[in-house]
Every structure is written in structure tokens, then in C-alpha cells.
């Protein structure tokens, strides 16, 4: 199968990914949490952050390594967030919602860094 040729500049790719991460953050804050940050237990923060970082890193690596179109990982996180948020709504656990936000940001920033490194001649 032919690999996708990404013609977007690193700046444009980063802008798309960060924009999507902002959408995920805003949706979770307003749509899931009702505009008020919930009280987080330290375990919720740890689980949410680690889960989000792991998921975001996997998506960013797959996006850069497989040559997928720009911000594919971020779009997948946004789609997952909308689906989970629609189904669970306010019943979504704080750790799960935080994991979605962290995954969006990790995918956005990690994917942009890996793409820039790949374009500069480095390997992923």
C-alpha cells in the first residue's frame, strides 16, 4: 500500500493538532464537567495523566511512523471524546475525561515533534 505523502508544513500540522486539542479540552470542560472543574483525587489525576500520555504517545508515534495524514491522531481523540461524552455525559469518571484531554494534547504535541524530526532526517 502506498504511503501518504504529507504536504502540510510542520506549522500547519501543529496548528491543526493544537486546535483539535483545544476543542477536546473545551468540550470536556463545558460538555462533560458543566463548566466547573471537578474535585480530583490524586489517584484520578495520576491515572488520567498516565493513561492520556500513553494513549497520546501511541497515536503520535503511529501517526508519524506510518505517514498518516496530518493530525489524524488528534481527530481520532476528538471523535472518541465526542462519542464517549455523548454516551456517558456527566457520568464520565474524572480520570477518564482527564485522560482524553491529556491524550489530545500528547497526540498534538508529540505528533508535531515526531513529524518535524522525521522531516529533518531523523528516524521515529
PDB file of N, CA and C in Angstrom:
ATOM      1  N   UNK A   1       0.843  -1.168   0.000  1.00  0.00           N
ATOM      2  CA  UNK A   1       0.000   0.000   0.000  1.00  0.00           C
ATOM      3  C   UNK A   1       0.893   1.238   0.000  1.00  0.00           C
ATOM      4  N   UNK A   2       0.534   2.215  -0.787  1.00  0.00           N
ATOM      5  CA  UNK A   2       1.328   3.437  -0.880  1.00  0.00           C
ATOM      6  C   UNK A   2       1.182   4.263   0.387  1.00  0.00           C
ATOM      7  N   UNK A   3       2.291   4.858   0.786  1.00  0.00           N
ATOM      8  CA  UNK A   3       2.263   5.713   1.980  1.00  0.00           C
ATOM      9  C   UNK A   3       1.709   7.082   1.623  1.00  0.00           C
ATOM     10  N   UNK A   4       1.051   7.669   2.560  1.00  0.00           N
ATOM     11  CA  UNK A   4       0.509   9.015   2.396  1.00  0.00           C
ATOM     12  C   UNK A   4       1.650  10.013   2.347  1.00  0.00           C
ATOM     13  N   UNK A   5       1.585  10.934   1.424  1.00  0.00           N
ATOM     14  CA  UNK A   5       2.589  11.995   1.358  1.00  0.00           C
ATOM     15  C   UNK A   5       1.998  13.243   1.988  1.00  0.00           C
ATOM     16  N   UNK A   6       2.549  13.611   3.103  1.00  0.00           N
ATOM     17  CA  UNK A   6       2.052  14.770   3.832  1.00  0.00           C
ATOM     18  C   UNK A   6       2.723  16.015   3.278  1.00  0.00           C
ATOM     19  N   UNK A   7       1.936  16.885   2.689  1.00  0.00           N
ATOM     20  CA  UNK A   7       2.489  18.107   2.112  1.00  0.00           C
ATOM     21  C   UNK A   7       2.280  19.316   3.015  1.00  0.00           C
ATOM     22  N   UNK A   8       1.612  19.136   4.140  1.00  0.00           N
ATOM     23  CA  UNK A   8       1.412  20.248   5.067  1.00  0.00           C
ATOM     24  C   UNK A   8       2.720  20.604   5.759  1.00  0.00           C
ATOM     25  N   UNK A   9       2.882  21.871   6.019  1.00  0.00           N
ATOM     26  CA  UNK A   9       4.068  22.315   6.745  1.00  0.00           C
ATOM     27  C   UNK A   9       3.949  21.889   8.206  1.00  0.00           C
ATOM     28  N   UNK A  10       5.090  21.782   8.909  1.00  0.00           N
ATOM     29  CA  UNK A  10       5.023  21.436  10.332  1.00  0.00           C
ATOM     30  C   UNK A  10       4.189  22.429  11.137  1.00  0.00           C
ATOM     31  N   UNK A  11       4.233  23.695  10.747  1.00  0.00           N
ATOM     32  CA  UNK A  11       3.460  24.715  11.461  1.00  0.00           C
ATOM     33  C   UNK A  11       1.963  24.488  11.285  1.00  0.00           C
ATOM     34  N   UNK A  12       1.551  24.179  10.070  1.00  0.00           N
ATOM     35  CA  UNK A  12       0.135  23.932   9.812  1.00  0.00           C
ATOM     36  C   UNK A  12      -0.332  22.666  10.528  1.00  0.00           C
ATOM     37  N   UNK A  13       0.502  21.641  10.511  1.00  0.00           N
ATOM     38  CA  UNK A  13       0.166  20.401  11.209  1.00  0.00           C
ATOM     39  C   UNK A  13      -0.008  20.658  12.699  1.00  0.00           C
ATOM     40  N   UNK A  14       0.920  21.406  13.284  1.00  0.00           N
ATOM     41  CA  UNK A  14       0.827  21.730  14.705  1.00  0.00           C
ATOM     42  C   UNK A  14      -0.417  22.563  14.988  1.00  0.00           C
ATOM     43  N   UNK A  15      -0.725  23.509  14.112  1.00  0.00           N
ATOM     44  CA  UNK A  15      -1.905  24.354  14.313  1.00  0.00           C
ATOM     45  C   UNK A  15      -3.188  23.520  14.307  1.00  0.00           C
ATOM     46  N   UNK A  16      -3.306  22.586  13.371  1.00  0.00           N
ATOM     47  CA  UNK A  16      -4.482  21.717  13.341  1.00  0.00           C
ATOM     48  C   UNK A  16      -4.576  20.894  14.616  1.00  0.00           C
ATOM     49  N   UNK A  17      -3.472  20.276  14.998  1.00  0.00           N
ATOM     50  CA  UNK A  17      -3.482  19.395  16.165  1.00  0.00           C
ATOM     51  C   UNK A  17      -3.791  20.166  17.447  1.00  0.00           C
ATOM     52  N   UNK A  18      -3.209  21.346  17.603  1.00  0.00           N
ATOM     53  CA  UNK A  18      -3.470  22.154  18.800  1.00  0.00           C
ATOM     54  C   UNK A  18      -4.919  22.653  18.793  1.00  0.00           C
ATOM     55  N   UNK A  19      -5.415  23.033  17.634  1.00  0.00           N
ATOM     56  CA  UNK A  19      -6.815  23.449  17.540  1.00  0.00           C
ATOM     57  C   UNK A  19      -7.773  22.343  17.949  1.00  0.00           C
ATOM     58  N   UNK A  20      -7.472  21.130  17.514  1.00  0.00           N
ATOM     59  CA  UNK A  20      -8.307  19.989  17.885  1.00  0.00           C
ATOM     60  C   UNK A  20      -8.185  19.708  19.378  1.00  0.00           C
ATOM     61  N   UNK A  21      -6.974  19.804  19.917  1.00  0.00           N
ATOM     62  CA  UNK A  21      -6.780  19.596  21.358  1.00  0.00           C
ATOM     63  C   UNK A  21      -7.556  20.639  22.162  1.00  0.00           C
ATOM     64  N   UNK A  22      -7.606  21.867  21.671  1.00  0.00           N
ATOM     65  CA  UNK A  22      -8.406  22.900  22.337  1.00  0.00           C
ATOM     66  C   UNK A  22      -9.897  22.558  22.288  1.00  0.00           C
ATOM     67  N   UNK A  23     -10.357  22.017  21.154  1.00  0.00           N
ATOM     68  CA  UNK A  23     -11.756  21.587  21.061  1.00  0.00           C
ATOM     69  C   UNK A  23     -12.066  20.482  22.070  1.00  0.00           C
ATOM     70  N   UNK A  24     -11.163  19.504  22.181  1.00  0.00           N
ATOM     71  CA  UNK A  24     -11.364  18.418  23.145  1.00  0.00           C
ATOM     72  C   UNK A  24     -11.409  18.981  24.559  1.00  0.00           C
ATOM     73  N   UNK A  25     -10.463  19.871  24.874  1.00  0.00           N
ATOM     74  CA  UNK A  25     -10.412  20.466  26.210  1.00  0.00           C
ATOM     75  C   UNK A  25     -11.694  21.242  26.509  1.00  0.00           C
ATOM     76  N   UNK A  26     -12.128  22.048  25.565  1.00  0.00           N
ATOM     77  CA  UNK A  26     -13.351  22.824  25.750  1.00  0.00           C
ATOM     78  C   UNK A  26     -14.582  21.951  25.887  1.00  0.00           C
ATOM     79  N   UNK A  27     -14.662  20.905  25.070  1.00  0.00           N
ATOM     80  CA  UNK A  27     -15.822  20.011  25.148  1.00  0.00           C
ATOM     81  C   UNK A  27     -15.879  19.305  26.496  1.00  0.00           C
ATOM     82  N   UNK A  28     -14.738  18.802  26.957  1.00  0.00           N
ATOM     83  CA  UNK A  28     -14.725  18.115  28.250  1.00  0.00           C
ATOM     84  C   UNK A  28     -15.072  19.093  29.366  1.00  0.00           C
ATOM     85  N   UNK A  29     -14.503  20.307  29.305  1.00  0.00           N
ATOM     86  CA  UNK A  29     -14.747  21.282  30.370  1.00  0.00           C
ATOM     87  C   UNK A  29     -16.214  21.714  30.416  1.00  0.00           C
ATOM     88  N   UNK A  30     -16.779  22.030  29.263  1.00  0.00           N
ATOM     89  CA  UNK A  30     -18.149  22.545  29.235  1.00  0.00           C
ATOM     90  C   UNK A  30     -19.183  21.419  29.120  1.00  0.00           C
ATOM     91  N   UNK A  31     -18.954  20.488  28.195  1.00  0.00           N
ATOM     92  CA  UNK A  31     -19.953  19.462  27.925  1.00  0.00           C
ATOM     93  C   UNK A  31     -20.013  18.343  28.943  1.00  0.00           C
ATOM     94  N   UNK A  32     -18.869  17.969  29.491  1.00  0.00           N
ATOM     95  CA  UNK A  32     -18.842  16.849  30.436  1.00  0.00           C
ATOM     96  C   UNK A  32     -18.873  17.351  31.871  1.00  0.00           C
ATOM     97  N   UNK A  33     -18.043  18.343  32.171  1.00  0.00           N
ATOM     98  CA  UNK A  33     -17.946  18.826  33.550  1.00  0.00           C
ATOM     99  C   UNK A  33     -18.884  19.986  33.842  1.00  0.00           C
ATOM    100  N   UNK A  34     -19.624  20.468  32.874  1.00  0.00           N
ATOM    101  CA  UNK A  34     -20.574  21.547  33.098  1.00  0.00           C
ATOM    102  C   UNK A  34     -19.919  22.884  33.402  1.00  0.00           C
ATOM    103  N   UNK A  35     -18.708  23.096  32.934  1.00  0.00           N
ATOM    104  CA  UNK A  35     -18.006  24.355  33.135  1.00  0.00           C
ATOM    105  C   UNK A  35     -17.332  24.503  34.480  1.00  0.00           C
ATOM    106  N   UNK A  36     -17.393  23.480  35.309  1.00  0.00           N
ATOM    107  CA  UNK A  36     -16.783  23.523  36.638  1.00  0.00           C
ATOM    108  C   UNK A  36     -15.825  22.349  36.766  1.00  0.00           C
ATOM    109  N   UNK A  37     -14.599  22.633  37.172  1.00  0.00           N
ATOM    110  CA  UNK A  37     -13.645  21.545  37.374  1.00  0.00           C
ATOM    111  C   UNK A  37     -14.085  20.691  38.557  1.00  0.00           C
ATOM    112  N   UNK A  38     -14.121  19.372  38.373  1.00  0.00           N
ATOM    113  CA  UNK A  38     -14.499  18.515  39.499  1.00  0.00           C
ATOM    114  C   UNK A  38     -13.351  18.406  40.495  1.00  0.00           C
ATOM    115  N   UNK A  39     -13.672  17.948  41.670  1.00  0.00           N
ATOM    116  CA  UNK A  39     -12.625  17.691  42.666  1.00  0.00           C
ATOM    117  C   UNK A  39     -11.917  16.400  42.264  1.00  0.00           C
ATOM    118  N   UNK A  40     -10.626  16.515  42.023  1.00  0.00           N
ATOM    119  CA  UNK A  40      -9.842  15.358  41.604  1.00  0.00           C
ATOM    120  C   UNK A  40      -9.136  14.745  42.799  1.00  0.00           C
ATOM    121  N   UNK A  41      -9.242  13.449  42.938  1.00  0.00           N
ATOM    122  CA  UNK A  41      -8.411  12.731  43.901  1.00  0.00           C
ATOM    123  C   UNK A  41      -7.036  12.564  43.257  1.00  0.00           C
ATOM    124  N   UNK A  42      -5.965  12.526  44.044  1.00  0.00           N
ATOM    125  CA  UNK A  42      -4.632  12.350  43.455  1.00  0.00           C
ATOM    126  C   UNK A  42      -4.533  11.113  42.556  1.00  0.00           C
ATOM    127  N   UNK A  43      -5.227  10.056  42.925  1.00  0.00           N
ATOM    128  CA  UNK A  43      -5.201   8.847  42.090  1.00  0.00           C
ATOM    129  C   UNK A  43      -5.863   9.098  40.735  1.00  0.00           C
ATOM    130  N   UNK A  44      -6.943   9.892  40.718  1.00  0.00           N
ATOM    131  CA  UNK A  44      -7.602  10.229  39.453  1.00  0.00           C
ATOM    132  C   UNK A  44      -6.668  10.999  38.534  1.00  0.00           C
ATOM    133  N   UNK A  45      -5.940  11.934  39.111  1.00  0.00           N
ATOM    134  CA  UNK A  45      -5.000  12.727  38.318  1.00  0.00           C
ATOM    135  C   UNK A  45      -3.903  11.830  37.756  1.00  0.00           C
ATOM    136  N   UNK A  46      -3.365  10.953  38.597  1.00  0.00           N
ATOM    137  CA  UNK A  46      -2.286  10.067  38.152  1.00  0.00           C
ATOM    138  C   UNK A  46      -2.765   9.118  37.057  1.00  0.00           C
ATOM    139  N   UNK A  47      -3.906   8.490  37.279  1.00  0.00           N
ATOM    140  CA  UNK A  47      -4.434   7.543  36.290  1.00  0.00           C
ATOM    141  C   UNK A  47      -4.791   8.259  34.993  1.00  0.00           C
ATOM    142  N   UNK A  48      -5.455   9.398  35.098  1.00  0.00           N
ATOM    143  CA  UNK A  48      -5.831  10.150  33.905  1.00  0.00           C
ATOM    144  C   UNK A  48      -4.633  10.637  33.119  1.00  0.00           C
ATOM    145  N   UNK A  49      -3.645  11.170  33.825  1.00  0.00           N
ATOM    146  CA  UNK A  49      -2.459  11.690  33.142  1.00  0.00           C
ATOM    147  C   UNK A  49      -1.650  10.571  32.491  1.00  0.00           C
ATOM    148  N   UNK A  50      -1.429   9.490  33.216  1.00  0.00           N
ATOM    149  CA  UNK A  50      -0.651   8.384  32.650  1.00  0.00           C
ATOM    150  C   UNK A  50      -1.384   7.714  31.488  1.00  0.00           C
ATOM    151  N   UNK A  51      -2.676   7.513  31.641  1.00  0.00           N
ATOM    152  CA  UNK A  51      -3.456   6.925  30.550  1.00  0.00           C
ATOM    153  C   UNK A  51      -3.478   7.808  29.320  1.00  0.00           C
ATOM    154  N   UNK A  52      -3.645   9.101  29.536  1.00  0.00           N
ATOM    155  CA  UNK A  52      -3.644  10.037  28.414  1.00  0.00           C
ATOM    156  C   UNK A  52      -2.301  10.117  27.729  1.00  0.00           C
ATOM    157  N   UNK A  53      -1.222  10.148  28.517  1.00  0.00           N
ATOM    158  CA  UNK A  53       0.118  10.183  27.923  1.00  0.00           C
ATOM    159  C   UNK A  53       0.405   8.919  27.127  1.00  0.00           C
ATOM    160  N   UNK A  54       0.030   7.779  27.667  1.00  0.00           N
ATOM    161  CA  UNK A  54       0.268   6.520  26.950  1.00  0.00           C
ATOM    162  C   UNK A  54      -0.526   6.475  25.646  1.00  0.00           C
ATOM    163  N   UNK A  55      -1.801   6.806  25.718  1.00  0.00           N
ATOM    164  CA  UNK A  55      -2.623   6.804  24.509  1.00  0.00           C
ATOM    165  C   UNK A  55      -2.163   7.826  23.490  1.00  0.00           C
ATOM    166  N   UNK A  56      -1.828   9.023  23.965  1.00  0.00           N
ATOM    167  CA  UNK A  56      -1.349  10.066  23.063  1.00  0.00           C
ATOM    168  C   UNK A  56      -0.027   9.712  22.414  1.00  0.00           C
ATOM    169  N   UNK A  57       0.873   9.106  23.183  1.00  0.00           N
ATOM    170  CA  UNK A  57       2.173   8.715  22.630  1.00  0.00           C
ATOM    171  C   UNK A  57       2.014   7.643  21.556  1.00  0.00           C
ATOM    172  N   UNK A  58       1.142   6.686  21.796  1.00  0.00           N
ATOM    173  CA  UNK A  58       0.908   5.633  20.797  1.00  0.00           C
ATOM    174  C   UNK A  58       0.333   6.233  19.519  1.00  0.00           C
ATOM    175  N   UNK A  59      -0.655   7.107  19.650  1.00  0.00           N
ATOM    176  CA  UNK A  59      -1.249   7.732  18.466  1.00  0.00           C
ATOM    177  C   UNK A  59      -0.249   8.619  17.734  1.00  0.00           C
ATOM    178  N   UNK A  60       0.541   9.385  18.468  1.00  0.00           N
ATOM    179  CA  UNK A  60       1.531  10.261  17.835  1.00  0.00           C
ATOM    180  C   UNK A  60       2.580   9.443  17.097  1.00  0.00           C
ATOM    181  N   UNK A  61       3.051   8.366  17.713  1.00  0.00           N
ATOM    182  CA  UNK A  61       4.051   7.525  17.067  1.00  0.00           C
ATOM    183  C   UNK A  61       3.474   6.864  15.819  1.00  0.00           C
ATOM    184  N   UNK A  62       2.260   6.329  15.925  1.00  0.00           N
ATOM    185  CA  UNK A  62       1.636   5.684  14.767  1.00  0.00           C
ATOM    186  C   UNK A  62       1.419   6.687  13.640  1.00  0.00           C
ATOM    187  N   UNK A  63       1.005   7.886  14.003  1.00  0.00           N
ATOM    188  CA  UNK A  63       0.761   8.926  13.000  1.00  0.00           C
ATOM    189  C   UNK A  63       2.043   9.291  12.258  1.00  0.00           C
ATOM    190  N   UNK A  64       3.130   9.472  12.992  1.00  0.00           N
ATOM    191  CA  UNK A  64       4.394   9.866  12.366  1.00  0.00           C
ATOM    192  C   UNK A  64       5.063   8.691  11.663  1.00  0.00           C
ATOM    193  N   UNK A  65       5.047   7.531  12.287  1.00  0.00           N
ATOM    194  CA  UNK A  65       5.754   6.373  11.744  1.00  0.00           C
ATOM    195  C   UNK A  65       5.070   5.815  10.498  1.00  0.00           C
ATOM    196  N   UNK A  66       3.759   5.798  10.488  1.00  0.00           N
ATOM    197  CA  UNK A  66       3.022   5.234   9.359  1.00  0.00           C
ATOM    198  C   UNK A  66       2.739   6.263   8.277  1.00  0.00           C
ATOM    199  N   UNK A  67       3.122   7.501   8.495  1.00  0.00           N
ATOM    200  CA  UNK A  67       2.922   8.532   7.485  1.00  0.00           C
ATOM    201  C   UNK A  67       1.460   8.866   7.249  1.00  0.00           C
ATOM    202  N   UNK A  68       0.666   8.846   8.300  1.00  0.00           N
ATOM    203  CA  UNK A  68      -0.754   9.169   8.173  1.00  0.00           C
ATOM    204  C   UNK A  68      -0.934  10.664   7.923  1.00  0.00           C
ATOM    205  N   UNK A  69      -2.087  11.066   7.402  1.00  0.00           N
ATOM    206  CA  UNK A  69      -2.327  12.496   7.185  1.00  0.00           C
ATOM    207  C   UNK A  69      -2.183  13.298   8.476  1.00  0.00           C
ATOM    208  N   UNK A  70      -1.893  14.567   8.313  1.00  0.00           N
ATOM    209  CA  UNK A  70      -1.656  15.450   9.457  1.00  0.00           C
ATOM    210  C   UNK A  70      -2.825  15.428  10.426  1.00  0.00           C
ATOM    211  N   UNK A  71      -2.504  15.348  11.698  1.00  0.00           N
ATOM    212  CA  UNK A  71      -3.463  15.434  12.806  1.00  0.00           C
ATOM    213  C   UNK A  71      -4.474  14.289  12.837  1.00  0.00           C
ATOM    214  N   UNK A  72      -4.150  13.152  12.238  1.00  0.00           N
ATOM    215  CA  UNK A  72      -5.064  12.004  12.275  1.00  0.00           C
ATOM    216  C   UNK A  72      -5.312  11.553  13.708  1.00  0.00           C
ATOM    217  N   UNK A  73      -4.249  11.456  14.492  1.00  0.00           N
ATOM    218  CA  UNK A  73      -4.393  11.035  15.884  1.00  0.00           C
ATOM    219  C   UNK A  73      -5.267  11.984  16.677  1.00  0.00           C
ATOM    220  N   UNK A  74      -5.089  13.280  16.463  1.00  0.00           N
ATOM    221  CA  UNK A  74      -5.895  14.270  17.173  1.00  0.00           C
ATOM    222  C   UNK A  74      -7.368  14.164  16.768  1.00  0.00           C
ATOM    223  N   UNK A  75      -7.627  13.933  15.482  1.00  0.00           N
ATOM    224  CA  UNK A  75      -9.003  13.754  15.034  1.00  0.00           C
ATOM    225  C   UNK A  75      -9.626  12.519  15.675  1.00  0.00           C
ATOM    226  N   UNK A  76      -8.841  11.440  15.805  1.00  0.00           N
ATOM    227  CA  UNK A  76      -9.362  10.228  16.442  1.00  0.00           C
ATOM    228  C   UNK A  76      -9.706  10.475  17.913  1.00  0.00           C
ATOM    229  N   UNK A  77      -8.857  11.230  18.609  1.00  0.00           N
ATOM    230  CA  UNK A  77      -9.141  11.550  20.016  1.00  0.00           C
ATOM    231  C   UNK A  77     -10.399  12.411  20.114  1.00  0.00           C
ATOM    232  N   UNK A  78     -10.554  13.365  19.198  1.00  0.00           N
ATOM    233  CA  UNK A  78     -11.758  14.204  19.200  1.00  0.00           C
ATOM    234  C   UNK A  78     -13.005  13.356  18.966  1.00  0.00           C
ATOM    235  N   UNK A  79     -12.949  12.447  18.011  1.00  0.00           N
ATOM    236  CA  UNK A  79     -14.091  11.580  17.731  1.00  0.00           C
ATOM    237  C   UNK A  79     -14.419  10.706  18.940  1.00  0.00           C
ATOM    238  N   UNK A  80     -13.394  10.133  19.551  1.00  0.00           N
ATOM    239  CA  UNK A  80     -13.604   9.315  20.745  1.00  0.00           C
ATOM    240  C   UNK A  80     -14.213  10.142  21.876  1.00  0.00           C
ATOM    241  N   UNK A  81     -13.713  11.366  22.055  1.00  0.00           N
ATOM    242  CA  UNK A  81     -14.230  12.241  23.110  1.00  0.00           C
ATOM    243  C   UNK A  81     -15.703  12.570  22.883  1.00  0.00           C
ATOM    244  N   UNK A  82     -16.058  12.888  21.645  1.00  0.00           N
ATOM    245  CA  UNK A  82     -17.455  13.208  21.353  1.00  0.00           C
ATOM    246  C   UNK A  82     -18.363  12.002  21.578  1.00  0.00           C
ATOM    247  N   UNK A  83     -17.913  10.830  21.148  1.00  0.00           N
ATOM    248  CA  UNK A  83     -18.731   9.619  21.336  1.00  0.00           C
ATOM    249  C   UNK A  83     -18.887   9.276  22.815  1.00  0.00           C
ATOM    250  N   UNK A  84     -17.778   9.254  23.537  1.00  0.00           N
ATOM    251  CA  UNK A  84     -17.830   8.915  24.962  1.00  0.00           C
ATOM    252  C   UNK A  84     -18.597   9.982  25.734  1.00  0.00           C
ATOM    253  N   UNK A  85     -18.362  11.242  25.414  1.00  0.00           N
ATOM    254  CA  UNK A  85     -19.069  12.326  26.091  1.00  0.00           C
ATOM    255  C   UNK A  85     -20.564  12.288  25.837  1.00  0.00           C
ATOM    256  N   UNK A  86     -20.952  11.915  24.619  1.00  0.00           N
ATOM    257  CA  UNK A  86     -22.378  11.829  24.298  1.00  0.00           C
ATOM    258  C   UNK A  86     -23.036  10.686  25.056  1.00  0.00           C
ATOM    259  N   UNK A  87     -22.357   9.556  25.114  1.00  0.00           N
ATOM    260  CA  UNK A  87     -22.935   8.386  25.777  1.00  0.00           C
ATOM    261  C   UNK A  87     -22.917   8.542  27.295  1.00  0.00           C
ATOM    262  N   UNK A  88     -21.767   8.929  27.846  1.00  0.00           N
ATOM    263  CA  UNK A  88     -21.622   8.972  29.308  1.00  0.00           C
ATOM    264  C   UNK A  88     -22.042  10.308  29.900  1.00  0.00           C
ATOM    265  N   UNK A  89     -21.761  11.390  29.191  1.00  0.00           N
ATOM    266  CA  UNK A  89     -22.107  12.716  29.697  1.00  0.00           C
ATOM    267  C   UNK A  89     -21.423  13.028  31.013  1.00  0.00           C
ATOM    268  N   UNK A  90     -22.182  13.563  31.949  1.00  0.00           N
ATOM    269  CA  UNK A  90     -21.627  13.959  33.243  1.00  0.00           C
ATOM    270  C   UNK A  90     -21.237  12.759  34.096  1.00  0.00           C
ATOM    271  N   UNK A  91     -21.685  11.571  33.719  1.00  0.00           N
ATOM    272  CA  UNK A  91     -21.336  10.372  34.485  1.00  0.00           C
ATOM    273  C   UNK A  91     -19.924   9.876  34.173  1.00  0.00           C
ATOM    274  N   UNK A  92     -19.270  10.491  33.199  1.00  0.00           N
ATOM    275  CA  UNK A  92     -17.909  10.091  32.836  1.00  0.00           C
ATOM    276  C   UNK A  92     -16.974  10.360  34.012  1.00  0.00           C
ATOM    277  N   UNK A  93     -16.206   9.368  34.374  1.00  0.00           N
ATOM    278  CA  UNK A  93     -15.287   9.498  35.510  1.00  0.00           C
ATOM    279  C   UNK A  93     -14.283  10.616  35.248  1.00  0.00           C
ATOM    280  N   UNK A  94     -13.940  11.393  36.277  1.00  0.00           N
ATOM    281  CA  UNK A  94     -12.963  12.467  36.084  1.00  0.00           C
ATOM    282  C   UNK A  94     -11.640  11.980  35.507  1.00  0.00           C
ATOM    283  N   UNK A  95     -11.188  10.805  35.918  1.00  0.00           N
ATOM    284  CA  UNK A  95      -9.925  10.278  35.395  1.00  0.00           C
ATOM    285  C   UNK A  95     -10.032   9.991  33.903  1.00  0.00           C
ATOM    286  N   UNK A  96     -11.170   9.475  33.460  1.00  0.00           N
ATOM    287  CA  UNK A  96     -11.357   9.175  32.038  1.00  0.00           C
ATOM    288  C   UNK A  96     -11.420  10.456  31.213  1.00  0.00           C
ATOM    289  N   UNK A  97     -12.135  11.449  31.708  1.00  0.00           N
ATOM    290  CA  UNK A  97     -12.212  12.720  30.993  1.00  0.00           C
ATOM    291  C   UNK A  97     -10.849  13.394  30.934  1.00  0.00           C
ATOM    292  N   UNK A  98     -10.118  13.355  32.040  1.00  0.00           N
ATOM    293  CA  UNK A  98      -8.775  13.928  32.055  1.00  0.00           C
ATOM    294  C   UNK A  98      -7.859  13.174  31.103  1.00  0.00           C
ATOM    295  N   UNK A  99      -8.009  11.860  31.022  1.00  0.00           N
ATOM    296  CA  UNK A  99      -7.196  11.066  30.102  1.00  0.00           C
ATOM    297  C   UNK A  99      -7.452  11.472  28.657  1.00  0.00           C
ATOM    298  N   UNK A 100      -8.690  11.770  28.310  1.00  0.00           N
ATOM    299  CA  UNK A 100      -8.999  12.218  26.950  1.00  0.00           C
ATOM    300  C   UNK A 100      -8.337  13.553  26.643  1.00  0.00           C
ATOM    301  N   UNK A 101      -8.368  14.470  27.605  1.00  0.00           N
ATOM    302  CA  UNK A 101      -7.739  15.778  27.394  1.00  0.00           C
ATOM    303  C   UNK A 101      -6.227  15.632  27.257  1.00  0.00           C
ATOM    304  N   UNK A 102      -5.616  14.861  28.145  1.00  0.00           N
ATOM    305  CA  UNK A 102      -4.163  14.663  28.085  1.00  0.00           C
ATOM    306  C   UNK A 102      -3.780  13.938  26.799  1.00  0.00           C
ATOM    307  N   UNK A 103      -4.584  12.965  26.373  1.00  0.00           N
ATOM    308  CA  UNK A 103      -4.300  12.253  25.124  1.00  0.00           C
ATOM    309  C   UNK A 103      -4.350  13.198  23.931  1.00  0.00           C
ATOM    310  N   UNK A 104      -5.304  14.121  23.930  1.00  0.00           N
ATOM    311  CA  UNK A 104      -5.390  15.083  22.828  1.00  0.00           C
ATOM    312  C   UNK A 104      -4.143  15.947  22.755  1.00  0.00           C
ATOM    313  N   UNK A 105      -3.695  16.445  23.905  1.00  0.00           N
ATOM    314  CA  UNK A 105      -2.508  17.297  23.915  1.00  0.00           C
ATOM    315  C   UNK A 105      -1.237  16.509  23.627  1.00  0.00           C
ATOM    316  N   UNK A 106      -1.140  15.290  24.166  1.00  0.00           N
ATOM    317  CA  UNK A 106       0.046  14.467  23.902  1.00  0.00           C
ATOM    318  C   UNK A 106       0.120  14.087  22.432  1.00  0.00           C
ATOM    319  N   UNK A 107      -1.015  13.786  21.831  1.00  0.00           N
ATOM    320  CA  UNK A 107      -1.042  13.460  20.408  1.00  0.00           C
ATOM    321  C   UNK A 107      -0.654  14.671  19.577  1.00  0.00           C
ATOM    322  N   UNK A 108      -1.203  15.824  19.924  1.00  0.00           N
ATOM    323  CA  UNK A 108      -0.918  17.039  19.157  1.00  0.00           C
ATOM    324  C   UNK A 108       0.551  17.408  19.213  1.00  0.00           C
ATOM    325  N   UNK A 109       1.079  17.520  20.404  1.00  0.00           N
ATOM    326  CA  UNK A 109       2.465  17.972  20.546  1.00  0.00           C
ATOM    327  C   UNK A 109       3.460  16.880  20.167  1.00  0.00           C
ATOM    328  N   UNK A 110       3.185  15.643  20.578  1.00  0.00           N
ATOM    329  CA  UNK A 110       4.079  14.543  20.227  1.00  0.00           C
ATOM    330  C   UNK A 110       4.110  14.286  18.733  1.00  0.00           C
ATOM    331  N   UNK A 111       2.951  14.319  18.096  1.00  0.00           N
ATOM    332  CA  UNK A 111       2.899  14.117  16.648  1.00  0.00           C
ATOM    333  C   UNK A 111       3.644  15.196  15.890  1.00  0.00           C
ATOM    334  N   UNK A 112       3.491  16.442  16.320  1.00  0.00           N
ATOM    335  CA  UNK A 112       4.198  17.539  15.654  1.00  0.00           C
ATOM    336  C   UNK A 112       5.707  17.405  15.826  1.00  0.00           C
ATOM    337  N   UNK A 113       6.148  17.031  17.021  1.00  0.00           N
ATOM    338  CA  UNK A 113       7.586  16.854  17.250  1.00  0.00           C
ATOM    339  C   UNK A 113       8.148  15.699  16.433  1.00  0.00           C
ATOM    340  N   UNK A 114       7.429  14.584  16.392  1.00  0.00           N
ATOM    341  CA  UNK A 114       7.905  13.441  15.614  1.00  0.00           C
ATOM    342  C   UNK A 114       7.917  13.739  14.122  1.00  0.00           C
ATOM    343  N   UNK A 115       6.912  14.449  13.631  1.00  0.00           N
ATOM    344  CA  UNK A 115       6.895  14.814  12.206  1.00  0.00           C
ATOM    345  C   UNK A 115       8.044  15.753  11.870  1.00  0.00           C
ATOM    346  N   UNK A 116       8.305  16.718  12.739  1.00  0.00           N
ATOM    347  CA  UNK A 116       9.416  17.640  12.490  1.00  0.00           C
ATOM    348  C   UNK A 116      10.739  16.887  12.491  1.00  0.00           C
ATOM    349  N   UNK A 117      10.886  15.941  13.389  1.00  0.00           N
ATOM    350  CA  UNK A 117      12.120  15.152  13.449  1.00  0.00           C
ATOM    351  C   UNK A 117      12.262  14.286  12.198  1.00  0.00           C
ATOM    352  N   UNK A 118      11.168  13.682  11.761  1.00  0.00           N
ATOM    353  CA  UNK A 118      11.203  12.843  10.566  1.00  0.00           C
ATOM    354  C   UNK A 118      11.554  13.676   9.340  1.00  0.00           C
ATOM    355  N   UNK A 119      10.972  14.861   9.232  1.00  0.00           N
ATOM    356  CA  UNK A 119      11.270  15.732   8.088  1.00  0.00           C
ATOM    357  C   UNK A 119      12.714  16.213   8.108  1.00  0.00           C
ATOM    358  N   UNK A 120      13.288  16.331   9.300  1.00  0.00           N
ATOM    359  CA  UNK A 120      14.672  16.794   9.412  1.00  0.00           C
ATOM    360  C   UNK A 120      15.664  15.667   9.131  1.00  0.00           C
ATOM    361  N   UNK A 121      15.160  14.482   8.869  1.00  0.00           N
ATOM    362  CA  UNK A 121      16.050  13.379   8.531  1.00  0.00           C
ATOM    363  C   UNK A 121      16.238  12.372   9.636  1.00  0.00           C
ATOM    364  N   UNK A 122      15.606  12.597  10.779  1.00  0.00           N
ATOM    365  CA  UNK A 122      15.715  11.647  11.887  1.00  0.00           C
ATOM    366  C   UNK A 122      14.774  10.484  11.676  1.00  0.00           C
ATOM    367  N   UNK A 123      14.919   9.485  12.515  1.00  0.00           N
ATOM    368  CA  UNK A 123      14.030   8.326  12.442  1.00  0.00           C
ATOM    369  C   UNK A 123      13.101   8.335  13.643  1.00  0.00           C
ATOM    370  N   UNK A 124      11.912   7.760  13.459  1.00  0.00           N
ATOM    371  CA  UNK A 124      10.979   7.664  14.580  1.00  0.00           C
ATOM    372  C   UNK A 124      11.152   6.358  15.294  1.00  0.00           C
TER     373      UNK A 124
END
